[in-house]
């Protein structure tokens, strides 16, 4: 389901948080291989307009958001690809 975020970085954090939220009813957590985050366009909250880009741009896959909680690792740390704000 499309959602709105203040910035691409904010959308990435929300997506990553949901991918890593362990819950029986969380399909992103249970099946991360099936999900990707795309940047679809821009929303202007001042006038309610939405600019849809001609081509959606892949931001990150859910599998890439999975955290690793090994010894010495911060389980909240997500490796974000270069160039993502």
C-alpha atoms as a PDB file:
ATOM      1  CA  UNK A   1       0.000   0.000   0.000  1.00  0.00           C
ATOM      2  CA  UNK A   2       1.438   3.396  -0.912  1.00  0.00           C
ATOM      3  CA  UNK A   3       2.223   5.722   1.979  1.00  0.00           C
ATOM      4  CA  UNK A   4       3.408   9.288   2.405  1.00  0.00           C
ATOM      5  CA  UNK A   5       6.598  10.318   4.239  1.00  0.00           C
ATOM      6  CA  UNK A   6       8.244  13.708   4.804  1.00  0.00           C
ATOM      7  CA  UNK A   7      11.441  12.539   3.078  1.00  0.00           C
ATOM      8  CA  UNK A   8      12.955   9.525   1.382  1.00  0.00           C
ATOM      9  CA  UNK A   9      15.042   8.863   4.502  1.00  0.00           C
ATOM     10  CA  UNK A  10      11.934   8.920   6.675  1.00  0.00           C
ATOM     11  CA  UNK A  11      10.187   6.459   4.350  1.00  0.00           C
ATOM     12  CA  UNK A  12      13.228   4.188   4.440  1.00  0.00           C
ATOM     13  CA  UNK A  13      13.308   4.214   8.248  1.00  0.00           C
ATOM     14  CA  UNK A  14       9.562   3.469   8.493  1.00  0.00           C
ATOM     15  CA  UNK A  15       9.844   0.631   5.982  1.00  0.00           C
ATOM     16  CA  UNK A  16      12.893  -0.824   7.741  1.00  0.00           C
ATOM     17  CA  UNK A  17      11.227  -0.588  11.138  1.00  0.00           C
ATOM     18  CA  UNK A  18       8.185  -2.468   9.851  1.00  0.00           C
ATOM     19  CA  UNK A  19      10.288  -5.142   8.124  1.00  0.00           C
ATOM     20  CA  UNK A  20      12.022  -5.803  11.444  1.00  0.00           C
ATOM     21  CA  UNK A  21       8.931  -5.606  13.688  1.00  0.00           C
ATOM     22  CA  UNK A  22       8.430  -9.168  14.892  1.00  0.00           C
ATOM     23  CA  UNK A  23       4.697  -9.922  14.994  1.00  0.00           C
ATOM     24  CA  UNK A  24       2.528 -12.815  13.845  1.00  0.00           C
ATOM     25  CA  UNK A  25       0.343 -10.478  11.784  1.00  0.00           C
ATOM     26  CA  UNK A  26       3.252  -8.632  10.102  1.00  0.00           C
ATOM     27  CA  UNK A  27       3.570  -9.927   6.548  1.00  0.00           C
ATOM     28  CA  UNK A  28       6.642  -7.774   5.854  1.00  0.00           C
ATOM     29  CA  UNK A  29       8.452  -9.463   8.746  1.00  0.00           C
ATOM     30  CA  UNK A  30       7.301 -12.952   7.789  1.00  0.00           C
ATOM     31  CA  UNK A  31       7.998 -12.646   4.032  1.00  0.00           C
ATOM     32  CA  UNK A  32      10.601  -9.919   3.394  1.00  0.00           C
ATOM     33  CA  UNK A  33      11.632 -11.545   0.118  1.00  0.00           C
ATOM     34  CA  UNK A  34       8.282 -10.425  -1.354  1.00  0.00           C
ATOM     35  CA  UNK A  35       8.574  -6.664  -0.674  1.00  0.00           C
ATOM     36  CA  UNK A  36      10.424  -3.634  -2.028  1.00  0.00           C
ATOM     37  CA  UNK A  37      10.174   0.099  -1.329  1.00  0.00           C
ATOM     38  CA  UNK A  38       9.709   2.330  -4.374  1.00  0.00           C
ATOM     39  CA  UNK A  39       9.753   6.116  -4.683  1.00  0.00           C
ATOM     40  CA  UNK A  40       6.611   6.851  -6.729  1.00  0.00           C
ATOM     41  CA  UNK A  41       6.371  10.626  -6.705  1.00  0.00           C
ATOM     42  CA  UNK A  42       5.974  13.778  -4.657  1.00  0.00           C
ATOM     43  CA  UNK A  43       3.060  14.953  -2.534  1.00  0.00           C
ATOM     44  CA  UNK A  44       2.483  18.674  -1.901  1.00  0.00           C
ATOM     45  CA  UNK A  45       0.768  18.953   1.479  1.00  0.00           C
ATOM     46  CA  UNK A  46       0.080  22.667   0.873  1.00  0.00           C
ATOM     47  CA  UNK A  47      -2.325  22.070  -2.007  1.00  0.00           C
ATOM     48  CA  UNK A  48      -2.949  18.319  -1.879  1.00  0.00           C
ATOM     49  CA  UNK A  49      -1.418  17.607  -5.284  1.00  0.00           C
ATOM     50  CA  UNK A  50       0.536  14.455  -6.100  1.00  0.00           C
ATOM     51  CA  UNK A  51       3.166  14.329  -8.852  1.00  0.00           C
ATOM     52  CA  UNK A  52       3.600  10.757 -10.090  1.00  0.00           C
ATOM     53  CA  UNK A  53       6.997  10.059 -11.604  1.00  0.00           C
ATOM     54  CA  UNK A  54       7.013   8.415 -15.069  1.00  0.00           C
ATOM     55  CA  UNK A  55       9.134   5.576 -13.662  1.00  0.00           C
ATOM     56  CA  UNK A  56       9.060   4.377 -10.077  1.00  0.00           C
ATOM     57  CA  UNK A  57      12.530   4.186  -8.509  1.00  0.00           C
ATOM     58  CA  UNK A  58      13.531   1.284  -6.284  1.00  0.00           C
ATOM     59  CA  UNK A  59      14.781   2.583  -2.924  1.00  0.00           C
ATOM     60  CA  UNK A  60      15.530  -0.700  -1.135  1.00  0.00           C
ATOM     61  CA  UNK A  61      14.375  -4.299  -0.856  1.00  0.00           C
ATOM     62  CA  UNK A  62      12.945  -5.574   2.414  1.00  0.00           C
ATOM     63  CA  UNK A  63      15.618  -8.276   2.551  1.00  0.00           C
ATOM     64  CA  UNK A  64      18.261  -5.524   2.493  1.00  0.00           C
ATOM     65  CA  UNK A  65      16.604  -3.979   5.560  1.00  0.00           C
ATOM     66  CA  UNK A  66      16.892  -7.088   7.706  1.00  0.00           C
ATOM     67  CA  UNK A  67      18.951  -6.426  10.820  1.00  0.00           C
ATOM     68  CA  UNK A  68      21.586  -8.800  12.095  1.00  0.00           C
ATOM     69  CA  UNK A  69      21.760  -9.192  15.851  1.00  0.00           C
ATOM     70  CA  UNK A  70      25.072 -10.924  16.458  1.00  0.00           C
ATOM     71  CA  UNK A  71      27.596 -10.318  19.223  1.00  0.00           C
ATOM     72  CA  UNK A  72      28.756  -6.712  19.061  1.00  0.00           C
ATOM     73  CA  UNK A  73      26.160  -5.781  16.453  1.00  0.00           C
ATOM     74  CA  UNK A  74      23.515  -3.151  17.157  1.00  0.00           C
ATOM     75  CA  UNK A  75      20.282  -4.951  16.112  1.00  0.00           C
ATOM     76  CA  UNK A  76      18.734  -1.598  15.204  1.00  0.00           C
ATOM     77  CA  UNK A  77      21.426  -0.726  12.668  1.00  0.00           C
ATOM     78  CA  UNK A  78      20.384  -0.974   9.033  1.00  0.00           C
ATOM     79  CA  UNK A  79      22.858  -0.792   6.192  1.00  0.00           C
ATOM     80  CA  UNK A  80      21.467   1.913   3.914  1.00  0.00           C
ATOM     81  CA  UNK A  81      22.671   2.026   0.298  1.00  0.00           C
ATOM     82  CA  UNK A  82      24.770   5.027  -0.684  1.00  0.00           C
ATOM     83  CA  UNK A  83      22.875   7.927  -2.225  1.00  0.00           C
ATOM     84  CA  UNK A  84      19.706   7.503  -0.139  1.00  0.00           C
ATOM     85  CA  UNK A  85      18.862  10.548   1.978  1.00  0.00           C
END
